[in-house]
């Protein structure tokens, strides 16, 4: 009798181990599939952004601000040179230390303005390149 009970415990442990291994395999395959899908979507998005996306990303890395952050700091929704300049001048003056402003905030305003100026330069370069391309 003791021997039979011992065999049952071993069989149960064996089945339990098989269930755990199968579960891990299923989860692993699902994770790998999701990772491949995410990688493909990321690659497709990067391709859609094209070369300008690479330049914009590089500008974000150099300035330490993303385009969206810079737009939020200067409170601009679109890349309008006039609006950017107007908001920059206002925020720079308001945050001047001599009038009780914050040097830190003033420096953030300057970095945001520089980042948006770089984005405007990238867009202008793209437009020039598009105009120079031969039409087919």
N, C-alpha and C. Protein backbone atom coordinates (compact mmCIF):
# COMPACT_ATOMS: atom_id res chain seq x y z
N UNK A 1 0.81 -1.18 0.00
CA UNK A 1 0.00 0.00 0.00
C UNK A 1 0.87 1.26 0.00
N UNK A 2 1.91 1.26 0.81
CA UNK A 2 2.78 2.41 0.91
C UNK A 2 3.46 2.68 -0.41
N UNK A 3 3.82 1.63 -1.05
CA UNK A 3 4.49 1.78 -2.34
C UNK A 3 3.55 2.39 -3.37
N UNK A 4 2.27 2.00 -3.35
CA UNK A 4 1.30 2.55 -4.29
C UNK A 4 1.05 4.03 -4.04
N UNK A 5 0.97 4.43 -2.79
CA UNK A 5 0.77 5.85 -2.46
C UNK A 5 1.97 6.66 -2.89
N UNK A 6 3.14 6.13 -2.74
CA UNK A 6 4.36 6.81 -3.17
C UNK A 6 4.37 7.01 -4.68
N UNK A 7 3.89 6.00 -5.42
CA UNK A 7 3.82 6.10 -6.88
C UNK A 7 2.84 7.17 -7.32
N UNK A 8 1.73 7.30 -6.57
CA UNK A 8 0.73 8.32 -6.91
C UNK A 8 1.32 9.71 -6.72
N UNK A 9 2.06 9.91 -5.64
CA UNK A 9 2.69 11.21 -5.38
C UNK A 9 3.71 11.57 -6.46
N UNK A 10 4.45 10.60 -6.90
CA UNK A 10 5.45 10.82 -7.96
C UNK A 10 4.74 11.17 -9.27
N UNK A 11 3.65 10.46 -9.58
CA UNK A 11 2.90 10.73 -10.81
C UNK A 11 2.29 12.13 -10.77
N UNK A 12 1.76 12.51 -9.62
CA UNK A 12 1.17 13.84 -9.49
C UNK A 12 2.25 14.92 -9.67
N UNK A 13 3.39 14.71 -9.08
CA UNK A 13 4.49 15.67 -9.22
C UNK A 13 4.94 15.74 -10.67
N UNK A 14 4.97 14.59 -11.34
CA UNK A 14 5.37 14.56 -12.75
C UNK A 14 4.36 15.34 -13.61
N UNK A 15 3.06 15.11 -13.38
CA UNK A 15 2.02 15.83 -14.13
C UNK A 15 2.08 17.33 -13.84
N UNK A 16 2.29 17.66 -12.59
CA UNK A 16 2.39 19.07 -12.21
C UNK A 16 3.57 19.74 -12.91
N UNK A 17 4.68 19.06 -12.94
CA UNK A 17 5.86 19.60 -13.63
C UNK A 17 5.59 19.77 -15.12
N UNK A 18 4.90 18.80 -15.74
CA UNK A 18 4.57 18.90 -17.16
C UNK A 18 3.64 20.09 -17.42
N UNK A 19 2.68 20.29 -16.54
CA UNK A 19 1.75 21.42 -16.69
C UNK A 19 2.50 22.74 -16.58
N UNK A 20 3.40 22.82 -15.62
CA UNK A 20 4.19 24.06 -15.45
C UNK A 20 5.05 24.32 -16.68
N UNK A 21 5.72 23.30 -17.19
CA UNK A 21 6.58 23.46 -18.38
C UNK A 21 5.74 23.90 -19.57
N UNK A 22 4.58 23.28 -19.76
CA UNK A 22 3.72 23.66 -20.89
C UNK A 22 3.24 25.10 -20.74
N UNK A 23 2.89 25.49 -19.53
CA UNK A 23 2.44 26.86 -19.29
C UNK A 23 3.54 27.87 -19.59
N UNK A 24 4.75 27.56 -19.17
CA UNK A 24 5.88 28.45 -19.43
C UNK A 24 6.13 28.55 -20.94
N UNK A 25 6.03 27.45 -21.64
CA UNK A 25 6.23 27.47 -23.09
C UNK A 25 5.18 28.33 -23.79
N UNK A 26 3.93 28.20 -23.38
CA UNK A 26 2.84 28.98 -23.98
C UNK A 26 3.07 30.47 -23.73
N UNK A 27 3.38 30.82 -22.51
CA UNK A 27 3.62 32.22 -22.17
C UNK A 27 4.85 32.74 -22.92
N UNK A 28 5.88 31.93 -23.00
CA UNK A 28 7.10 32.33 -23.71
C UNK A 28 6.84 32.59 -25.18
N UNK A 29 6.07 31.71 -25.81
CA UNK A 29 5.74 31.91 -27.24
C UNK A 29 4.91 33.18 -27.44
N UNK A 30 3.95 33.41 -26.55
CA UNK A 30 3.11 34.61 -26.66
C UNK A 30 3.96 35.87 -26.47
N UNK A 31 4.87 35.84 -25.53
CA UNK A 31 5.75 36.98 -25.30
C UNK A 31 6.63 37.24 -26.51
N UNK A 32 7.20 36.18 -27.07
CA UNK A 32 8.06 36.32 -28.25
C UNK A 32 7.27 36.88 -29.43
N UNK A 33 6.04 36.41 -29.62
CA UNK A 33 5.19 36.91 -30.71
C UNK A 33 4.88 38.39 -30.51
N UNK A 34 4.54 38.78 -29.29
CA UNK A 34 4.24 40.18 -28.99
C UNK A 34 5.47 41.05 -29.21
N UNK A 35 6.63 40.54 -28.83
CA UNK A 35 7.88 41.28 -29.02
C UNK A 35 8.18 41.49 -30.51
N UNK A 36 7.97 40.45 -31.32
CA UNK A 36 8.18 40.57 -32.77
C UNK A 36 7.21 41.58 -33.38
N UNK A 37 5.95 41.56 -32.93
CA UNK A 37 4.96 42.51 -33.45
C UNK A 37 5.33 43.94 -33.07
N UNK A 38 5.76 44.13 -31.84
CA UNK A 38 6.15 45.47 -31.39
C UNK A 38 7.38 45.97 -32.16
N UNK A 39 8.32 45.09 -32.40
CA UNK A 39 9.50 45.46 -33.16
C UNK A 39 9.13 45.84 -34.59
N UNK A 40 8.24 45.08 -35.20
CA UNK A 40 7.80 45.38 -36.57
C UNK A 40 7.06 46.71 -36.62
N UNK A 41 6.21 46.96 -35.63
CA UNK A 41 5.47 48.23 -35.59
C UNK A 41 6.42 49.40 -35.38
N UNK A 42 7.41 49.21 -34.53
CA UNK A 42 8.39 50.26 -34.29
C UNK A 42 9.19 50.56 -35.55
N UNK A 43 9.58 49.53 -36.26
CA UNK A 43 10.34 49.71 -37.50
C UNK A 43 9.49 50.42 -38.55
N UNK A 44 8.21 50.04 -38.64
CA UNK A 44 7.32 50.67 -39.60
C UNK A 44 7.13 52.15 -39.28
N UNK A 45 6.99 52.48 -38.00
CA UNK A 45 6.84 53.88 -37.60
C UNK A 45 8.10 54.67 -37.90
N UNK A 46 9.25 54.07 -37.67
CA UNK A 46 10.51 54.75 -37.96
C UNK A 46 10.66 54.97 -39.47
N UNK A 47 10.28 53.98 -40.26
CA UNK A 47 10.36 54.14 -41.71
C UNK A 47 9.41 55.24 -42.19
N UNK A 48 8.24 55.32 -41.56
CA UNK A 48 7.26 56.33 -41.95
C UNK A 48 7.78 57.74 -41.64
N UNK A 49 8.49 57.86 -40.54
CA UNK A 49 9.05 59.18 -40.20
C UNK A 49 10.15 59.57 -41.17
N UNK A 50 10.82 58.57 -41.72
CA UNK A 50 11.85 58.84 -42.70
C UNK A 50 13.07 59.52 -42.11
N UNK A 51 13.82 60.14 -42.98
CA UNK A 51 15.07 60.77 -42.58
C UNK A 51 14.85 61.92 -41.62
N UNK A 52 13.78 62.67 -41.81
CA UNK A 52 13.50 63.80 -40.93
C UNK A 52 13.32 63.34 -39.51
N UNK A 53 12.73 62.18 -39.34
CA UNK A 53 12.56 61.63 -38.00
C UNK A 53 13.89 61.39 -37.32
N UNK A 54 14.87 60.95 -38.10
CA UNK A 54 16.19 60.72 -37.54
C UNK A 54 16.83 62.04 -37.14
N UNK A 55 16.70 63.03 -37.98
CA UNK A 55 17.28 64.34 -37.67
C UNK A 55 16.59 64.95 -36.45
N UNK A 56 15.28 64.82 -36.39
CA UNK A 56 14.52 65.36 -35.27
C UNK A 56 14.90 64.64 -33.97
N UNK A 57 15.06 63.34 -34.04
CA UNK A 57 15.46 62.58 -32.85
C UNK A 57 16.85 62.98 -32.41
N UNK A 58 17.74 63.20 -33.38
CA UNK A 58 19.09 63.63 -33.03
C UNK A 58 19.06 65.01 -32.37
N UNK A 59 18.23 65.89 -32.88
CA UNK A 59 18.10 67.23 -32.28
C UNK A 59 17.55 67.13 -30.87
N UNK A 60 16.62 66.22 -30.64
CA UNK A 60 16.07 66.02 -29.30
C UNK A 60 17.16 65.54 -28.35
N UNK A 61 18.00 64.64 -28.83
CA UNK A 61 19.07 64.13 -27.98
C UNK A 61 20.09 65.22 -27.66
N UNK A 62 20.42 66.04 -28.63
CA UNK A 62 21.41 67.10 -28.40
C UNK A 62 20.89 68.16 -27.45
N UNK A 63 19.64 68.55 -27.61
CA UNK A 63 19.11 69.63 -26.78
C UNK A 63 18.61 69.13 -25.43
N UNK A 64 18.34 67.85 -25.33
CA UNK A 64 17.82 67.31 -24.08
C UNK A 64 16.32 67.49 -23.95
N UNK A 65 15.67 68.03 -24.98
CA UNK A 65 14.22 68.25 -24.98
C UNK A 65 13.63 67.60 -26.23
N UNK A 66 12.49 66.97 -26.07
CA UNK A 66 11.78 66.48 -27.24
C UNK A 66 11.04 67.67 -27.87
N UNK A 67 10.59 67.48 -29.07
CA UNK A 67 9.84 68.52 -29.76
C UNK A 67 8.58 68.86 -28.98
N UNK A 68 7.90 67.85 -28.46
CA UNK A 68 6.67 68.09 -27.71
C UNK A 68 6.94 68.88 -26.43
N UNK A 69 8.03 68.55 -25.73
CA UNK A 69 8.37 69.29 -24.51
C UNK A 69 8.65 70.75 -24.82
N UNK A 70 9.41 70.99 -25.89
CA UNK A 70 9.74 72.36 -26.27
C UNK A 70 8.47 73.14 -26.62
N UNK A 71 7.55 72.50 -27.32
CA UNK A 71 6.29 73.17 -27.66
C UNK A 71 5.48 73.47 -26.41
N UNK A 72 5.49 72.59 -25.44
CA UNK A 72 4.76 72.83 -24.20
C UNK A 72 5.38 73.99 -23.41
N UNK A 73 6.70 74.01 -23.35
CA UNK A 73 7.38 75.07 -22.59
C UNK A 73 7.06 76.44 -23.18
N UNK A 74 7.11 76.55 -24.50
CA UNK A 74 6.84 77.84 -25.15
C UNK A 74 5.36 78.03 -25.48
N UNK A 75 4.53 77.06 -25.12
CA UNK A 75 3.08 77.16 -25.31
C UNK A 75 2.71 77.44 -26.77
N UNK A 76 3.25 76.61 -27.67
CA UNK A 76 2.90 76.70 -29.09
C UNK A 76 2.38 75.34 -29.54
N UNK A 77 1.34 75.38 -30.35
CA UNK A 77 0.76 74.12 -30.83
C UNK A 77 1.31 73.74 -32.20
N UNK A 78 1.67 74.71 -33.00
CA UNK A 78 2.24 74.42 -34.32
C UNK A 78 3.55 75.20 -34.46
N UNK A 79 4.34 74.79 -35.42
CA UNK A 79 5.65 75.40 -35.60
C UNK A 79 5.54 76.67 -36.44
N UNK A 80 5.09 77.72 -35.81
CA UNK A 80 4.98 79.03 -36.45
C UNK A 80 6.12 79.90 -35.94
N UNK A 81 7.05 80.31 -36.81
CA UNK A 81 8.20 81.10 -36.34
C UNK A 81 7.79 82.36 -35.58
N UNK A 82 6.74 83.02 -36.02
CA UNK A 82 6.30 84.26 -35.36
C UNK A 82 5.79 83.97 -33.95
N UNK A 83 4.96 82.93 -33.83
CA UNK A 83 4.41 82.58 -32.51
C UNK A 83 5.51 82.11 -31.56
N UNK A 84 6.43 81.33 -32.08
CA UNK A 84 7.55 80.85 -31.27
C UNK A 84 8.36 82.03 -30.74
N UNK A 85 8.70 82.96 -31.63
CA UNK A 85 9.52 84.12 -31.23
C UNK A 85 8.77 84.99 -30.21
N UNK A 86 7.50 85.22 -30.46
CA UNK A 86 6.70 86.06 -29.56
C UNK A 86 6.64 85.44 -28.16
N UNK A 87 6.32 84.15 -28.09
CA UNK A 87 6.23 83.48 -26.79
C UNK A 87 7.59 83.38 -26.11
N UNK A 88 8.63 83.16 -26.90
CA UNK A 88 9.98 83.10 -26.33
C UNK A 88 10.34 84.43 -25.68
N UNK A 89 10.15 85.52 -26.39
CA UNK A 89 10.51 86.83 -25.85
C UNK A 89 9.73 87.13 -24.57
N UNK A 90 8.45 86.82 -24.58
CA UNK A 90 7.62 87.08 -23.39
C UNK A 90 8.10 86.25 -22.20
N UNK A 91 8.26 84.94 -22.41
CA UNK A 91 8.66 84.07 -21.31
C UNK A 91 10.08 84.35 -20.83
N UNK A 92 10.95 84.76 -21.73
CA UNK A 92 12.32 85.10 -21.34
C UNK A 92 12.32 86.31 -20.42
N UNK A 93 11.54 87.33 -20.79
CA UNK A 93 11.47 88.55 -19.96
C UNK A 93 10.81 88.27 -18.61
N UNK A 94 9.74 87.52 -18.61
CA UNK A 94 9.01 87.23 -17.37
C UNK A 94 9.89 86.45 -16.39
N UNK A 95 10.75 85.59 -16.89
CA UNK A 95 11.58 84.75 -16.03
C UNK A 95 12.98 85.33 -15.80
N UNK A 96 13.17 86.59 -16.15
CA UNK A 96 14.46 87.24 -15.90
C UNK A 96 14.68 87.36 -14.40
N UNK A 97 15.86 87.02 -13.95
CA UNK A 97 16.16 87.03 -12.52
C UNK A 97 16.06 88.43 -11.92
N UNK A 98 16.35 89.47 -12.72
CA UNK A 98 16.32 90.84 -12.21
C UNK A 98 14.90 91.30 -11.87
N UNK A 99 13.89 90.63 -12.42
CA UNK A 99 12.50 90.98 -12.09
C UNK A 99 11.86 89.92 -11.20
N UNK A 100 12.70 89.12 -10.55
CA UNK A 100 12.19 88.11 -9.61
C UNK A 100 11.89 86.78 -10.25
N UNK A 101 12.34 86.59 -11.47
CA UNK A 101 12.09 85.32 -12.16
C UNK A 101 13.09 84.25 -11.76
N UNK A 102 13.02 83.15 -12.45
CA UNK A 102 13.87 82.00 -12.16
C UNK A 102 14.85 81.78 -13.31
N UNK A 103 16.14 81.74 -12.96
CA UNK A 103 17.17 81.48 -13.97
C UNK A 103 16.96 80.09 -14.58
N UNK A 104 16.55 79.14 -13.75
CA UNK A 104 16.31 77.77 -14.23
C UNK A 104 15.21 77.78 -15.30
N UNK A 105 14.08 78.44 -15.00
CA UNK A 105 12.99 78.49 -15.97
C UNK A 105 13.41 79.25 -17.22
N UNK A 106 14.18 80.30 -17.04
CA UNK A 106 14.64 81.07 -18.19
C UNK A 106 15.53 80.21 -19.08
N UNK A 107 16.37 79.39 -18.46
CA UNK A 107 17.23 78.52 -19.27
C UNK A 107 16.40 77.46 -19.99
N UNK A 108 15.32 76.97 -19.36
CA UNK A 108 14.44 76.01 -20.04
C UNK A 108 13.77 76.66 -21.25
N UNK A 109 13.40 77.94 -21.11
CA UNK A 109 12.79 78.68 -22.22
C UNK A 109 13.78 78.79 -23.37
N UNK A 110 15.03 79.10 -23.04
CA UNK A 110 16.07 79.23 -24.08
C UNK A 110 16.28 77.89 -24.78
N UNK A 111 16.39 76.79 -24.01
CA UNK A 111 16.60 75.46 -24.61
C UNK A 111 15.40 75.07 -25.49
N UNK A 112 14.20 75.40 -25.05
CA UNK A 112 13.01 75.09 -25.86
C UNK A 112 13.04 75.89 -27.16
N UNK A 113 13.42 77.16 -27.08
CA UNK A 113 13.49 78.00 -28.27
C UNK A 113 14.54 77.43 -29.24
N UNK A 114 15.71 77.04 -28.71
CA UNK A 114 16.76 76.45 -29.55
C UNK A 114 16.27 75.17 -30.22
N UNK A 115 15.54 74.34 -29.47
CA UNK A 115 15.04 73.07 -30.03
C UNK A 115 14.04 73.33 -31.15
N UNK A 116 13.15 74.30 -30.96
CA UNK A 116 12.17 74.62 -32.00
C UNK A 116 12.83 75.27 -33.22
N UNK A 117 13.86 76.08 -32.99
CA UNK A 117 14.59 76.67 -34.11
C UNK A 117 15.26 75.58 -34.94
N UNK A 118 15.80 74.57 -34.27
CA UNK A 118 16.43 73.46 -34.98
C UNK A 118 15.39 72.68 -35.79
N UNK A 119 14.21 72.50 -35.22
CA UNK A 119 13.14 71.80 -35.94
C UNK A 119 12.70 72.60 -37.17
N UNK A 120 12.62 73.91 -37.05
CA UNK A 120 12.28 74.76 -38.19
C UNK A 120 13.35 74.65 -39.28
N UNK A 121 14.62 74.60 -38.86
CA UNK A 121 15.71 74.46 -39.82
C UNK A 121 15.62 73.12 -40.55
N UNK A 122 15.30 72.05 -39.82
CA UNK A 122 15.16 70.72 -40.43
C UNK A 122 14.02 70.72 -41.44
N UNK A 123 12.90 71.33 -41.09
CA UNK A 123 11.76 71.39 -42.01
C UNK A 123 12.09 72.21 -43.26
N UNK A 124 12.80 73.31 -43.08
CA UNK A 124 13.18 74.13 -44.23
C UNK A 124 14.11 73.34 -45.16
N UNK A 125 15.02 72.59 -44.59
CA UNK A 125 15.93 71.78 -45.39
C UNK A 125 15.16 70.70 -46.16
N UNK A 126 14.19 70.08 -45.50
CA UNK A 126 13.35 69.07 -46.17
C UNK A 126 12.60 69.69 -47.35
N UNK A 127 12.05 70.86 -47.14
CA UNK A 127 11.30 71.53 -48.20
C UNK A 127 12.20 71.85 -49.39
N UNK A 128 13.41 72.31 -49.11
CA UNK A 128 14.36 72.59 -50.21
C UNK A 128 14.69 71.32 -50.97
N UNK A 129 14.90 70.22 -50.24
CA UNK A 129 15.22 68.96 -50.91
C UNK A 129 14.05 68.45 -51.75
N UNK A 130 12.83 68.63 -51.26
CA UNK A 130 11.66 68.20 -52.04
C UNK A 130 11.52 69.01 -53.31
N UNK A 131 11.82 70.30 -53.23
CA UNK A 131 11.72 71.16 -54.41
C UNK A 131 12.79 70.81 -55.44
N UNK A 132 13.94 70.35 -54.99
CA UNK A 132 15.03 70.03 -55.89
C UNK A 132 14.89 68.67 -56.54
N UNK A 133 14.04 67.81 -55.99
CA UNK A 133 13.87 66.47 -56.55
C UNK A 133 13.17 66.57 -57.90
N UNK A 134 13.68 65.82 -58.88
CA UNK A 134 13.03 65.85 -60.21
C UNK A 134 11.68 65.18 -60.15
N UNK A 135 10.72 65.78 -60.84
CA UNK A 135 9.37 65.23 -60.89
C UNK A 135 9.29 64.17 -61.98
N UNK A 136 8.63 63.06 -61.66
CA UNK A 136 8.51 61.98 -62.65
C UNK A 136 7.09 61.81 -63.09
